Amino acid sequence: MNVDETAEEQRERTAAAYRQAGLTLESLWLHYFSIGGDAGELEIDAYLNRSYMLRPVQRDLLDHAVHELDGH
């Protein structure tokens, strides 16, 4: 599996968890930013909607933020 496939799979898992948790974009972005994320709210929205790719460390932080807010 190449890096692009791994990144796409991570994005799909994060986006699915975000939708399932019923989070608002604003609450997710604020938490992500508070734990060290540096992408803007519009970039996060674009990432979750498959029109932008975050750097690996930022993908990991966003995934972590989703799971913290969802209580996992």
PDB file of N, CA and C in Angstrom:
ATOM      1  N   MET A   1       0.848  -1.176   0.000  1.00  0.00           N
ATOM      2  CA  MET A   1       0.000   0.000   0.000  1.00  0.00           C
ATOM      3  C   MET A   1       0.891   1.234   0.000  1.00  0.00           C
ATOM      4  N   ASN A   2       0.612   2.171  -0.903  1.00  0.00           N
ATOM      5  CA  ASN A   2       1.447   3.368  -0.935  1.00  0.00           C
ATOM      6  C   ASN A   2       0.923   4.427   0.016  1.00  0.00           C
ATOM      7  N   VAL A   3       1.706   5.474   0.177  1.00  0.00           N
ATOM      8  CA  VAL A   3       1.387   6.533   1.132  1.00  0.00           C
ATOM      9  C   VAL A   3       0.051   7.194   0.799  1.00  0.00           C
ATOM     10  N   ASP A   4      -0.229   7.434  -0.479  1.00  0.00           N
ATOM     11  CA  ASP A   4      -1.476   8.092  -0.862  1.00  0.00           C
ATOM     12  C   ASP A   4      -2.691   7.254  -0.476  1.00  0.00           C
ATOM     13  N   GLU A   5      -2.611   5.944  -0.665  1.00  0.00           N
ATOM     14  CA  GLU A   5      -3.719   5.077  -0.275  1.00  0.00           C
ATOM     15  C   GLU A   5      -3.913   5.098   1.240  1.00  0.00           C
ATOM     16  N   THR A   6      -2.837   5.081   1.982  1.00  0.00           N
ATOM     17  CA  THR A   6      -2.908   5.136   3.435  1.00  0.00           C
ATOM     18  C   THR A   6      -3.521   6.455   3.884  1.00  0.00           C
ATOM     19  N   ALA A   7      -3.117   7.557   3.274  1.00  0.00           N
ATOM     20  CA  ALA A   7      -3.649   8.873   3.623  1.00  0.00           C
ATOM     21  C   ALA A   7      -5.146   8.938   3.317  1.00  0.00           C
ATOM     22  N   GLU A   8      -5.554   8.401   2.185  1.00  0.00           N
ATOM     23  CA  GLU A   8      -6.971   8.404   1.823  1.00  0.00           C
ATOM     24  C   GLU A   8      -7.787   7.563   2.805  1.00  0.00           C
ATOM     25  N   GLU A   9      -7.263   6.418   3.178  1.00  0.00           N
ATOM     26  CA  GLU A   9      -7.964   5.556   4.132  1.00  0.00           C
ATOM     27  C   GLU A   9      -8.096   6.247   5.485  1.00  0.00           C
ATOM     28  N   GLN A  10      -7.035   6.914   5.921  1.00  0.00           N
ATOM     29  CA  GLN A  10      -7.081   7.636   7.189  1.00  0.00           C
ATOM     30  C   GLN A  10      -8.132   8.743   7.110  1.00  0.00           C
ATOM     31  N   ARG A  11      -8.166   9.471   6.000  1.00  0.00           N
ATOM     32  CA  ARG A  11      -9.147  10.540   5.849  1.00  0.00           C
ATOM     33  C   ARG A  11     -10.563   9.976   5.917  1.00  0.00           C
ATOM     34  N   GLU A  12     -10.803   8.861   5.239  1.00  0.00           N
ATOM     35  CA  GLU A  12     -12.142   8.267   5.249  1.00  0.00           C
ATOM     36  C   GLU A  12     -12.553   7.827   6.653  1.00  0.00           C
ATOM     37  N   ARG A  13     -11.625   7.229   7.392  1.00  0.00           N
ATOM     38  CA  ARG A  13     -11.930   6.801   8.768  1.00  0.00           C
ATOM     39  C   ARG A  13     -12.205   8.002   9.669  1.00  0.00           C
ATOM     40  N   THR A  14     -11.395   9.048   9.545  1.00  0.00           N
ATOM     41  CA  THR A  14     -11.580  10.238  10.362  1.00  0.00           C
ATOM     42  C   THR A  14     -12.900  10.920  10.028  1.00  0.00           C
ATOM     43  N   ALA A  15     -13.200  11.060   8.740  1.00  0.00           N
ATOM     44  CA  ALA A  15     -14.447  11.707   8.320  1.00  0.00           C
ATOM     45  C   ALA A  15     -15.661  10.908   8.792  1.00  0.00           C
ATOM     46  N   ALA A  16     -15.575   9.591   8.711  1.00  0.00           N
ATOM     47  CA  ALA A  16     -16.689   8.748   9.167  1.00  0.00           C
ATOM     48  C   ALA A  16     -16.896   8.893  10.676  1.00  0.00           C
ATOM     49  N   ALA A  17     -15.808   8.906  11.430  1.00  0.00           N
ATOM     50  CA  ALA A  17     -15.907   9.065  12.885  1.00  0.00           C
ATOM     51  C   ALA A  17     -16.468  10.442  13.240  1.00  0.00           C
ATOM     52  N   TYR A  18     -16.061  11.453  12.507  1.00  0.00           N
ATOM     53  CA  TYR A  18     -16.560  12.814  12.712  1.00  0.00           C
ATOM     54  C   TYR A  18     -18.074  12.860  12.483  1.00  0.00           C
ATOM     55  N   ARG A  19     -18.519  12.286  11.382  1.00  0.00           N
ATOM     56  CA  ARG A  19     -19.954  12.281  11.077  1.00  0.00           C
ATOM     57  C   ARG A  19     -20.731  11.469  12.110  1.00  0.00           C
ATOM     58  N   GLN A  20     -20.210  10.315  12.464  1.00  0.00           N
ATOM     59  CA  GLN A  20     -20.890   9.448  13.418  1.00  0.00           C
ATOM     60  C   GLN A  20     -21.010  10.106  14.795  1.00  0.00           C
ATOM     61  N   ALA A  21     -20.011  10.875  15.178  1.00  0.00           N
ATOM     62  CA  ALA A  21     -20.022  11.535  16.486  1.00  0.00           C
ATOM     63  C   ALA A  21     -20.978  12.725  16.528  1.00  0.00           C
ATOM     64  N   GLY A  22     -21.377  13.211  15.360  1.00  0.00           N
ATOM     65  CA  GLY A  22     -22.292  14.348  15.322  1.00  0.00           C
ATOM     66  C   GLY A  22     -21.664  15.655  15.775  1.00  0.00           C
ATOM     67  N   LEU A  23     -20.379  15.778  15.568  1.00  0.00           N
ATOM     68  CA  LEU A  23     -19.658  16.986  15.976  1.00  0.00           C
ATOM     69  C   LEU A  23     -19.901  18.133  15.003  1.00  0.00           C
ATOM     70  N   THR A  24     -19.776  19.353  15.502  1.00  0.00           N
ATOM     71  CA  THR A  24     -19.783  20.494  14.594  1.00  0.00           C
ATOM     72  C   THR A  24     -18.357  20.722  14.123  1.00  0.00           C
ATOM     73  N   LEU A  25     -18.242  21.314  12.954  1.00  0.00           N
ATOM     74  CA  LEU A  25     -16.921  21.630  12.430  1.00  0.00           C
ATOM     75  C   LEU A  25     -16.192  22.577  13.373  1.00  0.00           C
ATOM     76  N   GLU A  26     -16.901  23.551  13.902  1.00  0.00           N
ATOM     77  CA  GLU A  26     -16.280  24.526  14.801  1.00  0.00           C
ATOM     78  C   GLU A  26     -15.726  23.853  16.062  1.00  0.00           C
ATOM     79  N   SER A  27     -16.505  22.962  16.671  1.00  0.00           N
ATOM     80  CA  SER A  27     -16.024  22.311  17.895  1.00  0.00           C
ATOM     81  C   SER A  27     -14.827  21.410  17.601  1.00  0.00           C
ATOM     82  N   LEU A  28     -14.866  20.720  16.472  1.00  0.00           N
ATOM     83  CA  LEU A  28     -13.730  19.870  16.104  1.00  0.00           C
ATOM     84  C   LEU A  28     -12.492  20.723  15.859  1.00  0.00           C
ATOM     85  N   TRP A  29     -12.656  21.784  15.073  1.00  0.00           N
ATOM     86  CA  TRP A  29     -11.496  22.617  14.772  1.00  0.00           C
ATOM     87  C   TRP A  29     -10.917  23.233  16.032  1.00  0.00           C
ATOM     88  N   LEU A  30     -11.752  23.745  16.920  1.00  0.00           N
ATOM     89  CA  LEU A  30     -11.242  24.356  18.159  1.00  0.00           C
ATOM     90  C   LEU A  30     -10.444  23.359  18.993  1.00  0.00           C
ATOM     91  N   HIS A  31     -10.945  22.136  19.100  1.00  0.00           N
ATOM     92  CA  HIS A  31     -10.216  21.133  19.882  1.00  0.00           C
ATOM     93  C   HIS A  31      -8.916  20.744  19.181  1.00  0.00           C
ATOM     94  N   TYR A  32      -8.993  20.511  17.888  1.00  0.00           N
ATOM     95  CA  TYR A  32      -7.805  20.182  17.087  1.00  0.00           C
ATOM     96  C   TYR A  32      -6.744  21.276  17.251  1.00  0.00           C
ATOM     97  N   PHE A  33      -7.161  22.533  17.133  1.00  0.00           N
ATOM     98  CA  PHE A  33      -6.233  23.655  17.270  1.00  0.00           C
ATOM     99  C   PHE A  33      -5.640  23.705  18.679  1.00  0.00           C
ATOM    100  N   SER A  34      -6.457  23.403  19.689  1.00  0.00           N
ATOM    101  CA  SER A  34      -5.987  23.471  21.074  1.00  0.00           C
ATOM    102  C   SER A  34      -4.948  22.407  21.407  1.00  0.00           C
ATOM    103  N   ILE A  35      -4.917  21.329  20.624  1.00  0.00           N
ATOM    104  CA  ILE A  35      -3.922  20.282  20.873  1.00  0.00           C
ATOM    105  C   ILE A  35      -2.740  20.367  19.913  1.00  0.00           C
ATOM    106  N   GLY A  36      -2.626  21.492  19.212  1.00  0.00           N
ATOM    107  CA  GLY A  36      -1.439  21.718  18.385  1.00  0.00           C
ATOM    108  C   GLY A  36      -1.661  21.709  16.897  1.00  0.00           C
ATOM    109  N   GLY A  37      -2.892  21.536  16.441  1.00  0.00           N
ATOM    110  CA  GLY A  37      -3.159  21.560  15.006  1.00  0.00           C
ATOM    111  C   GLY A  37      -2.927  22.949  14.435  1.00  0.00           C
ATOM    112  N   ASP A  38      -2.452  23.021  13.188  1.00  0.00           N
ATOM    113  CA  ASP A  38      -2.184  24.333  12.608  1.00  0.00           C
ATOM    114  C   ASP A  38      -2.950  24.614  11.321  1.00  0.00           C
ATOM    115  N   ALA A  39      -3.827  23.698  10.917  1.00  0.00           N
ATOM    116  CA  ALA A  39      -4.653  23.945   9.734  1.00  0.00           C
ATOM    117  C   ALA A  39      -5.856  24.787  10.139  1.00  0.00           C
ATOM    118  N   GLY A  40      -6.319  25.604   9.212  1.00  0.00           N
ATOM    119  CA  GLY A  40      -7.486  26.435   9.476  1.00  0.00           C
ATOM    120  C   GLY A  40      -8.781  25.635   9.391  1.00  0.00           C
ATOM    121  N   GLU A  41      -9.846  26.250   9.871  1.00  0.00           N
ATOM    122  CA  GLU A  41     -11.149  25.583   9.866  1.00  0.00           C
ATOM    123  C   GLU A  41     -11.585  25.224   8.442  1.00  0.00           C
ATOM    124  N   LEU A  42     -11.321  26.098   7.475  1.00  0.00           N
ATOM    125  CA  LEU A  42     -11.696  25.801   6.090  1.00  0.00           C
ATOM    126  C   LEU A  42     -10.893  24.626   5.533  1.00  0.00           C
ATOM    127  N   GLU A  43      -9.631  24.524   5.919  1.00  0.00           N
ATOM    128  CA  GLU A  43      -8.810  23.391   5.477  1.00  0.00           C
ATOM    129  C   GLU A  43      -9.336  22.084   6.066  1.00  0.00           C
ATOM    130  N   ILE A  44      -9.770  22.117   7.319  1.00  0.00           N
ATOM    131  CA  ILE A  44     -10.319  20.923   7.954  1.00  0.00           C
ATOM    132  C   ILE A  44     -11.605  20.515   7.250  1.00  0.00           C
ATOM    133  N   ASP A  45     -12.454  21.492   6.948  1.00  0.00           N
ATOM    134  CA  ASP A  45     -13.687  21.214   6.225  1.00  0.00           C
ATOM    135  C   ASP A  45     -13.380  20.585   4.866  1.00  0.00           C
ATOM    136  N   ALA A  46     -12.438  21.158   4.147  1.00  0.00           N
ATOM    137  CA  ALA A  46     -12.063  20.627   2.834  1.00  0.00           C
ATOM    138  C   ALA A  46     -11.485  19.219   2.964  1.00  0.00           C
ATOM    139  N   TYR A  47     -10.673  18.986   3.965  1.00  0.00           N
ATOM    140  CA  TYR A  47     -10.100  17.658   4.190  1.00  0.00           C
ATOM    141  C   TYR A  47     -11.200  16.631   4.431  1.00  0.00           C
ATOM    142  N   LEU A  48     -12.137  16.960   5.310  1.00  0.00           N
ATOM    143  CA  LEU A  48     -13.210  16.012   5.632  1.00  0.00           C
ATOM    144  C   LEU A  48     -14.141  15.757   4.448  1.00  0.00           C
ATOM    145  N   ASN A  49     -14.144  16.685   3.504  1.00  0.00           N
ATOM    146  CA  ASN A  49     -14.983  16.547   2.315  1.00  0.00           C
ATOM    147  C   ASN A  49     -14.190  16.162   1.065  1.00  0.00           C
ATOM    148  N   ARG A  50     -13.008  15.626   1.268  1.00  0.00           N
ATOM    149  CA  ARG A  50     -12.184  15.031   0.220  1.00  0.00           C
ATOM    150  C   ARG A  50     -11.679  15.988  -0.847  1.00  0.00           C
ATOM    151  N   SER A  51     -11.490  17.257  -0.496  1.00  0.00           N
ATOM    152  CA  SER A  51     -10.967  18.170  -1.502  1.00  0.00           C
ATOM    153  C   SER A  51      -9.638  18.822  -1.094  1.00  0.00           C
ATOM    154  N   TYR A  52      -9.037  18.305  -0.023  1.00  0.00           N
ATOM    155  CA  TYR A  52      -7.754  18.821   0.452  1.00  0.00           C
ATOM    156  C   TYR A  52      -7.094  17.724   1.273  1.00  0.00           C
ATOM    157  N   MET A  53      -5.762  17.656   1.212  1.00  0.00           N
ATOM    158  CA  MET A  53      -5.042  16.654   1.995  1.00  0.00           C
ATOM    159  C   MET A  53      -4.146  17.352   3.018  1.00  0.00           C
ATOM    160  N   LEU A  54      -4.297  16.963   4.260  1.00  0.00           N
ATOM    161  CA  LEU A  54      -3.446  17.483   5.325  1.00  0.00           C
ATOM    162  C   LEU A  54      -2.117  16.736   5.359  1.00  0.00           C
ATOM    163  N   ARG A  55      -1.108  17.373   5.948  1.00  0.00           N
ATOM    164  CA  ARG A  55       0.173  16.697   6.179  1.00  0.00           C
ATOM    165  C   ARG A  55      -0.037  15.586   7.203  1.00  0.00           C
ATOM    166  N   PRO A  56       0.810  14.566   7.202  1.00  0.00           N
ATOM    167  CA  PRO A  56       0.613  13.414   8.090  1.00  0.00           C
ATOM    168  C   PRO A  56       0.420  13.763   9.561  1.00  0.00           C
ATOM    169  N   VAL A  57       1.243  14.631  10.115  1.00  0.00           N
ATOM    170  CA  VAL A  57       1.115  14.958  11.540  1.00  0.00           C
ATOM    171  C   VAL A  57      -0.216  15.653  11.809  1.00  0.00           C
ATOM    172  N   GLN A  58      -0.686  16.461  10.873  1.00  0.00           N
ATOM    173  CA  GLN A  58      -1.959  17.148  11.052  1.00  0.00           C
ATOM    174  C   GLN A  58      -3.139  16.179  10.911  1.00  0.00           C
ATOM    175  N   ARG A  59      -3.004  15.202  10.037  1.00  0.00           N
ATOM    176  CA  ARG A  59      -4.033  14.153   9.933  1.00  0.00           C
ATOM    177  C   ARG A  59      -4.140  13.400  11.247  1.00  0.00           C
ATOM    178  N   ASP A  60      -3.001  13.076  11.834  1.00  0.00           N
ATOM    179  CA  ASP A  60      -3.005  12.344  13.103  1.00  0.00           C
ATOM    180  C   ASP A  60      -3.626  13.174  14.228  1.00  0.00           C
ATOM    181  N   LEU A  61      -3.299  14.467  14.275  1.00  0.00           N
ATOM    182  CA  LEU A  61      -3.874  15.336  15.302  1.00  0.00           C
ATOM    183  C   LEU A  61      -5.386  15.455  15.138  1.00  0.00           C
ATOM    184  N   LEU A  62      -5.849  15.578  13.904  1.00  0.00           N
ATOM    185  CA  LEU A  62      -7.289  15.698  13.674  1.00  0.00           C
ATOM    186  C   LEU A  62      -8.004  14.408  14.068  1.00  0.00           C
ATOM    187  N   ASP A  63      -7.438  13.285  13.704  1.00  0.00           N
ATOM    188  CA  ASP A  63      -8.014  11.998  14.084  1.00  0.00           C
ATOM    189  C   ASP A  63      -8.085  11.881  15.609  1.00  0.00           C
ATOM    190  N   HIS A  64      -7.025  12.286  16.271  1.00  0.00           N
ATOM    191  CA  HIS A  64      -6.974  12.257  17.733  1.00  0.00           C
ATOM    192  C   HIS A  64      -8.057  13.162  18.328  1.00  0.00           C
ATOM    193  N   ALA A  65      -8.207  14.353  17.753  1.00  0.00           N
ATOM    194  CA  ALA A  65      -9.226  15.290  18.252  1.00  0.00           C
ATOM    195  C   ALA A  65     -10.631  14.718  18.108  1.00  0.00           C
ATOM    196  N   VAL A  66     -10.919  14.090  16.971  1.00  0.00           N
ATOM    197  CA  VAL A  66     -12.245  13.484  16.762  1.00  0.00           C
ATOM    198  C   VAL A  66     -12.508  12.440  17.840  1.00  0.00           C
ATOM    199  N   HIS A  67     -11.538  11.585  18.072  1.00  0.00           N
ATOM    200  CA  HIS A  67     -11.738  10.502  19.039  1.00  0.00           C
ATOM    201  C   HIS A  67     -11.808  11.008  20.477  1.00  0.00           C
ATOM    202  N   GLU A  68     -11.067  12.061  20.787  1.00  0.00           N
ATOM    203  CA  GLU A  68     -11.185  12.643  22.135  1.00  0.00           C
ATOM    204  C   GLU A  68     -12.573  13.240  22.354  1.00  0.00           C
ATOM    205  N   LEU A  69     -13.066  13.959  21.367  1.00  0.00           N
ATOM    206  CA  LEU A  69     -14.380  14.572  21.501  1.00  0.00           C
ATOM    207  C   LEU A  69     -15.507  13.549  21.509  1.00  0.00           C
ATOM    208  N   ASP A  70     -15.284  12.424  20.851  1.00  0.00           N
ATOM    209  CA  ASP A  70     -16.290  11.371  20.805  1.00  0.00           C
ATOM    210  C   ASP A  70     -16.209  10.470  22.029  1.00  0.00           C
ATOM    211  N   GLY A  71     -15.186  10.655  22.846  1.00  0.00           N
ATOM    212  CA  GLY A  71     -15.050   9.877  24.066  1.00  0.00           C
ATOM    213  C   GLY A  71     -14.381   8.520  23.905  1.00  0.00           C
ATOM    214  N   HIS A  72     -13.700   8.321  22.781  1.00  0.00           N
ATOM    215  CA  HIS A  72     -12.989   7.043  22.553  1.00  0.00           C
ATOM    216  C   HIS A  72     -11.527   7.188  22.861  1.00  0.00           C
TER     217      HIS A  72
END
